[in-house]
Amino acid sequence: MEPATVNGDELVETLATLANPHRMRVIGVLAKRRNYVSQLARELGISRALLQVHLRKLEAAGLVDSQLEFSEDGKAMKFYEVRDFALNLTPETIADAVRTLTK
């Protein structure tokens, strides 16, 4: 069975998203367990506002999912978790991806 061809535009977006150390740290923490924004910000030592920026980019790239939940006291909590993904970068996969670039 031949591996699926990687879409060039998606590969560029994924690599660009992961090229930021904050976003890599977010993935690292979320790979262990899903978490909500406030707790995640505390664990990473960054502001919630900055974390929200990075989470939006990770979600737009399809690397994380979010779900709004409510605590027993009615407080809204947005939980994030890593989506299952794998990148296998070889010269061949990059050459295949280049053929599908539109940007």
C-alpha atoms as a PDB file:
ATOM      1  CA  MET A   1       0.000   0.000   0.000  1.00  0.00           C
ATOM      2  CA  GLU A   2       1.383   3.391  -0.993  1.00  0.00           C
ATOM      3  CA  PRO A   3       1.325   6.215   1.612  1.00  0.00           C
ATOM      4  CA  ALA A   4      -1.085   9.080   1.007  1.00  0.00           C
ATOM      5  CA  THR A   5       0.291  12.182  -0.655  1.00  0.00           C
ATOM      6  CA  VAL A   6       0.745  15.102   1.718  1.00  0.00           C
ATOM      7  CA  ASN A   7      -1.033  18.300   0.695  1.00  0.00           C
ATOM      8  CA  GLY A   8       1.627  20.999   0.313  1.00  0.00           C
ATOM      9  CA  ASP A   9      -0.463  23.895   1.601  1.00  0.00           C
ATOM     10  CA  GLU A  10      -1.506  21.928   4.697  1.00  0.00           C
ATOM     11  CA  LEU A  11       2.082  20.865   5.345  1.00  0.00           C
ATOM     12  CA  VAL A  12       3.304  24.480   5.157  1.00  0.00           C
ATOM     13  CA  GLU A  13       0.544  25.604   7.548  1.00  0.00           C
ATOM     14  CA  THR A  14       1.290  22.789  10.005  1.00  0.00           C
ATOM     15  CA  LEU A  15       5.040  23.387   9.989  1.00  0.00           C
ATOM     16  CA  ALA A  16       4.594  27.157  10.330  1.00  0.00           C
ATOM     17  CA  THR A  17       2.239  26.631  13.264  1.00  0.00           C
ATOM     18  CA  LEU A  18       4.622  24.265  15.023  1.00  0.00           C
ATOM     19  CA  ALA A  19       7.628  26.540  14.389  1.00  0.00           C
ATOM     20  CA  ASN A  20       6.719  28.625  17.454  1.00  0.00           C
ATOM     21  CA  PRO A  21       8.173  27.449  20.805  1.00  0.00           C
ATOM     22  CA  HIS A  22       5.027  28.464  22.753  1.00  0.00           C
ATOM     23  CA  ARG A  23       2.851  26.366  20.462  1.00  0.00           C
ATOM     24  CA  MET A  24       5.233  23.420  20.747  1.00  0.00           C
ATOM     25  CA  ARG A  25       5.014  23.708  24.554  1.00  0.00           C
ATOM     26  CA  VAL A  26       1.201  23.783  24.353  1.00  0.00           C
ATOM     27  CA  ILE A  27       1.231  20.575  22.282  1.00  0.00           C
ATOM     28  CA  GLY A  28       3.682  19.039  24.760  1.00  0.00           C
ATOM     29  CA  VAL A  29       1.409  19.706  27.742  1.00  0.00           C
ATOM     30  CA  LEU A  30      -1.778  18.717  25.922  1.00  0.00           C
ATOM     31  CA  ALA A  31      -0.176  15.481  24.702  1.00  0.00           C
ATOM     32  CA  LYS A  32      -0.252  14.310  28.329  1.00  0.00           C
ATOM     33  CA  ARG A  33      -3.871  15.292  29.032  1.00  0.00           C
ATOM     34  CA  ARG A  34      -6.597  17.674  27.964  1.00  0.00           C
ATOM     35  CA  ASN A  35      -6.685  20.903  29.915  1.00  0.00           C
ATOM     36  CA  TYR A  36      -8.604  24.147  30.315  1.00  0.00           C
ATOM     37  CA  VAL A  37      -7.228  27.563  29.462  1.00  0.00           C
ATOM     38  CA  SER A  38      -6.547  28.953  32.941  1.00  0.00           C
ATOM     39  CA  GLN A  39      -4.747  25.836  34.163  1.00  0.00           C
ATOM     40  CA  LEU A  40      -2.809  25.539  30.909  1.00  0.00           C
ATOM     41  CA  ALA A  41      -1.682  29.180  31.171  1.00  0.00           C
ATOM     42  CA  ARG A  42      -0.460  28.570  34.724  1.00  0.00           C
ATOM     43  CA  GLU A  43       1.441  25.432  33.715  1.00  0.00           C
ATOM     44  CA  LEU A  44       3.097  27.211  30.795  1.00  0.00           C
ATOM     45  CA  GLY A  45       3.782  30.432  32.695  1.00  0.00           C
ATOM     46  CA  ILE A  46       2.164  32.667  30.072  1.00  0.00           C
ATOM     47  CA  SER A  47      -0.853  34.963  30.124  1.00  0.00           C
ATOM     48  CA  ARG A  48      -4.257  33.629  29.140  1.00  0.00           C
ATOM     49  CA  ALA A  49      -4.451  36.257  26.389  1.00  0.00           C
ATOM     50  CA  LEU A  50      -1.191  35.083  24.804  1.00  0.00           C
ATOM     51  CA  LEU A  51      -2.214  31.456  25.247  1.00  0.00           C
ATOM     52  CA  GLN A  52      -5.540  32.128  23.496  1.00  0.00           C
ATOM     53  CA  VAL A  53      -3.668  33.486  20.459  1.00  0.00           C
ATOM     54  CA  HIS A  54      -1.579  30.327  20.225  1.00  0.00           C
ATOM     55  CA  LEU A  55      -4.534  28.013  20.838  1.00  0.00           C
ATOM     56  CA  ARG A  56      -6.504  29.680  18.020  1.00  0.00           C
ATOM     57  CA  LYS A  57      -3.603  29.105  15.630  1.00  0.00           C
ATOM     58  CA  LEU A  58      -3.227  25.476  16.704  1.00  0.00           C
ATOM     59  CA  GLU A  59      -6.953  24.923  16.304  1.00  0.00           C
ATOM     60  CA  ALA A  60      -7.015  26.592  12.866  1.00  0.00           C
ATOM     61  CA  ALA A  61      -4.215  24.262  11.746  1.00  0.00           C
ATOM     62  CA  GLY A  62      -6.238  21.262  12.938  1.00  0.00           C
ATOM     63  CA  LEU A  63      -3.759  20.278  15.652  1.00  0.00           C
ATOM     64  CA  VAL A  64      -6.011  20.785  18.678  1.00  0.00           C
ATOM     65  CA  ASP A  65      -9.737  20.649  19.390  1.00  0.00           C
ATOM     66  CA  SER A  66     -11.705  22.593  21.979  1.00  0.00           C
ATOM     67  CA  GLN A  67     -14.873  21.954  23.896  1.00  0.00           C
ATOM     68  CA  LEU A  68     -16.793  24.335  26.132  1.00  0.00           C
ATOM     69  CA  GLU A  69     -17.945  22.750  29.394  1.00  0.00           C
ATOM     70  CA  PHE A  70     -19.648  24.115  32.469  1.00  0.00           C
ATOM     71  CA  SER A  71     -18.625  23.413  36.053  1.00  0.00           C
ATOM     72  CA  GLU A  72     -21.193  22.589  38.722  1.00  0.00           C
ATOM     73  CA  ASP A  73     -21.220  26.247  39.768  1.00  0.00           C
ATOM     74  CA  GLY A  74     -22.030  27.308  36.187  1.00  0.00           C
ATOM     75  CA  LYS A  75     -18.579  28.577  35.288  1.00  0.00           C
ATOM     76  CA  ALA A  76     -17.720  28.141  31.595  1.00  0.00           C
ATOM     77  CA  MET A  77     -14.437  26.325  30.997  1.00  0.00           C
ATOM     78  CA  LYS A  78     -12.941  25.767  27.565  1.00  0.00           C
ATOM     79  CA  PHE A  79     -10.976  22.528  27.392  1.00  0.00           C
ATOM     80  CA  TYR A  80      -8.382  21.767  24.729  1.00  0.00           C
ATOM     81  CA  GLU A  81      -6.915  18.484  23.607  1.00  0.00           C
ATOM     82  CA  VAL A  82      -4.450  17.413  20.948  1.00  0.00           C
ATOM     83  CA  ARG A  83      -5.832  15.846  17.803  1.00  0.00           C
ATOM     84  CA  ASP A  84      -4.097  12.714  16.641  1.00  0.00           C
ATOM     85  CA  PHE A  85      -1.534  13.642  13.986  1.00  0.00           C
ATOM     86  CA  ALA A  86       1.741  12.346  12.616  1.00  0.00           C
ATOM     87  CA  LEU A  87       4.311  14.002  10.384  1.00  0.00           C
ATOM     88  CA  ASN A  88       6.745  11.876   8.432  1.00  0.00           C
ATOM     89  CA  LEU A  89       9.119  14.290   6.742  1.00  0.00           C
ATOM     90  CA  THR A  90      11.433  12.854   4.161  1.00  0.00           C
ATOM     91  CA  PRO A  91      12.836  14.399   1.003  1.00  0.00           C
ATOM     92  CA  GLU A  92      10.298  12.317  -0.920  1.00  0.00           C
ATOM     93  CA  THR A  93       7.265  13.453   1.081  1.00  0.00           C
ATOM     94  CA  ILE A  94       8.371  17.059   0.689  1.00  0.00           C
ATOM     95  CA  ALA A  95       8.858  16.583  -3.062  1.00  0.00           C
ATOM     96  CA  ASP A  96       5.339  15.128  -3.287  1.00  0.00           C
ATOM     97  CA  ALA A  97       3.905  17.994  -1.242  1.00  0.00           C
ATOM     98  CA  VAL A  98       5.602  20.606  -3.457  1.00  0.00           C
ATOM     99  CA  ARG A  99       3.548  19.407  -6.415  1.00  0.00           C
ATOM    100  CA  THR A 100       0.325  20.395  -4.645  1.00  0.00           C
ATOM    101  CA  LEU A 101       1.385  23.872  -3.423  1.00  0.00           C
ATOM    102  CA  THR A 102      -0.986  26.643  -4.455  1.00  0.00           C
ATOM    103  CA  LYS A 103       0.459  29.456  -2.309  1.00  0.00           C
END
